[in-house]
Amino acid sequence: MFADEGRPVWSVTELTHAIKGQLETTFPSISVEGEISNCRPSGAGHIYFTLKDSGAVISAALFRGRAARVEERPVDGMQAVITGKIDVYPPRGSYQIIVENIRAAGRGALLEALERRKKALAAEGLFDQGRKRALPPYPRRVAVITSPTGAAIRDILQVLSRRSAAPRVTVLPTPVQGAEAPGKIAAQLARAAAYGLGDVVILARGGGSLEDLMAFNEEIVARAVADCPLPVISGVGHEIDVSLADLAADVRAATPSAAAELVSDRSEDLLLRSRGFRREAAGTLAARLDAAGRRLRTFSLPELIRLVSGRLEEAMRGSDEARRELERAAAERLNLLRRRLELAGRSLADASPRAVMERGYARVSLNGKSVTDSDQLSEKDDINLEFARGGADARIIKLHSGKEEL
């Protein structure tokens, strides 16, 4: 640095290093919000991009060692908060931010609102373990609520295609992110329950950022999951992602694939066990038949004839004895029935009107009608008397009341 009319003269390098030192001292760590654009990954694993707003732009560099540890990967158009330090690159005379972390703008407010919603629903008992239902042990039908074009449905169907005892799948399509997603998801949950479309419901989507998964953190979805009368498995995002839908579901699966395994593993195990029992039974029967064949082959033809003849004669003797016993029992039964019939005939004969007349009684009739009470008659009535043999006509001379002593 040389004097020029009383003023110091800086070299470009000196000035640049002075500015570099001043900026790095003044801004050792800073957070800047803006829109990411012109994102350029390098072959070495570094990522370079521009952070801009309506009035200015600043360059940013995310080096490989830090790229794996930031909260969010930079994407063109993303509104983000960049945390890092100011650095000056002397060869170009430009300054940039050396990025230490990236998070989506507004994420803190989003997380705060989500935590408030979670506490409010928990206070209502929406996430209580006591209200959760067990999954059916061997579901034959499963309703899957997810995007019909996403990775989640492909993962679920791929897992089930490997299962011999896979349940029948009914896909209820719905968007899984965006403004209309929460209402559509809640409607499909209600539809699955109203029409009984499955023994169990899988609610699924692949991984994503907090913003991508926000549909499953909406109150309308959490309540629809809790109110669904069918058991609900939530397989949303990756293992580290826990949404309000996960907390409200009867069972949470780490991924959509894990949800598919939950509804098919027990049925698959039952099928494999039944196949094992069938193979074991077939093996036992084959072994017994083989043993019987070996025993059979040890006998000569005359011995077999003698053995079979002996068994046949024994069976015939048994048949003859059974026939004789049957004939004896039938004869006894028939004699008993004959005696009962004879006694019944005698009883009927003794009770007949003719038999009564034989004992000295007569039938009295007036105008062809039998008379059983003296009140039916009047003096001078002409009556007819019928005896066991023959009859007579008579006239009433005097009537006697049944109460009078005769």
Foldseek 3Di string as FASTA:
>chain_A
DDDDPNRDDDDLLRVLVVVQVVQCVVWVKDKDWAFWAPWDQDPQQKIKTWGDDPPDIAIEIEDRVQQVPAPDHHDGGFTKIFMAGWGADSVVRGIHGYGNYIDGPPVVVVVVVLVVLLVVCVVVVLLPLVLFDDQPLAKQEEEEEEAPPAPLVVLLVVLQVVFPRAHHYHYDHAYQADDCGLVSLLVVLVVCQVVVRTLEYEYAHEADDPRSRVSQQDPSNSVSQLPRPHQYEYAYYAQVDDHSVCSNGSHYARHSNRVSCVNRVSSRVVVVVVVVVVVVVVVVVVVVVVVVVVVVVVDDPVRVVVVVVVVVVVVVVVVVVVVVVVVVVVVVVVVVVVVVVVVVVVVVVCPDPLVVLVVPDWFKDAPRHTDDALVVDDFQGWIKIGGNPDIDIDGHHDTDHPPDDD
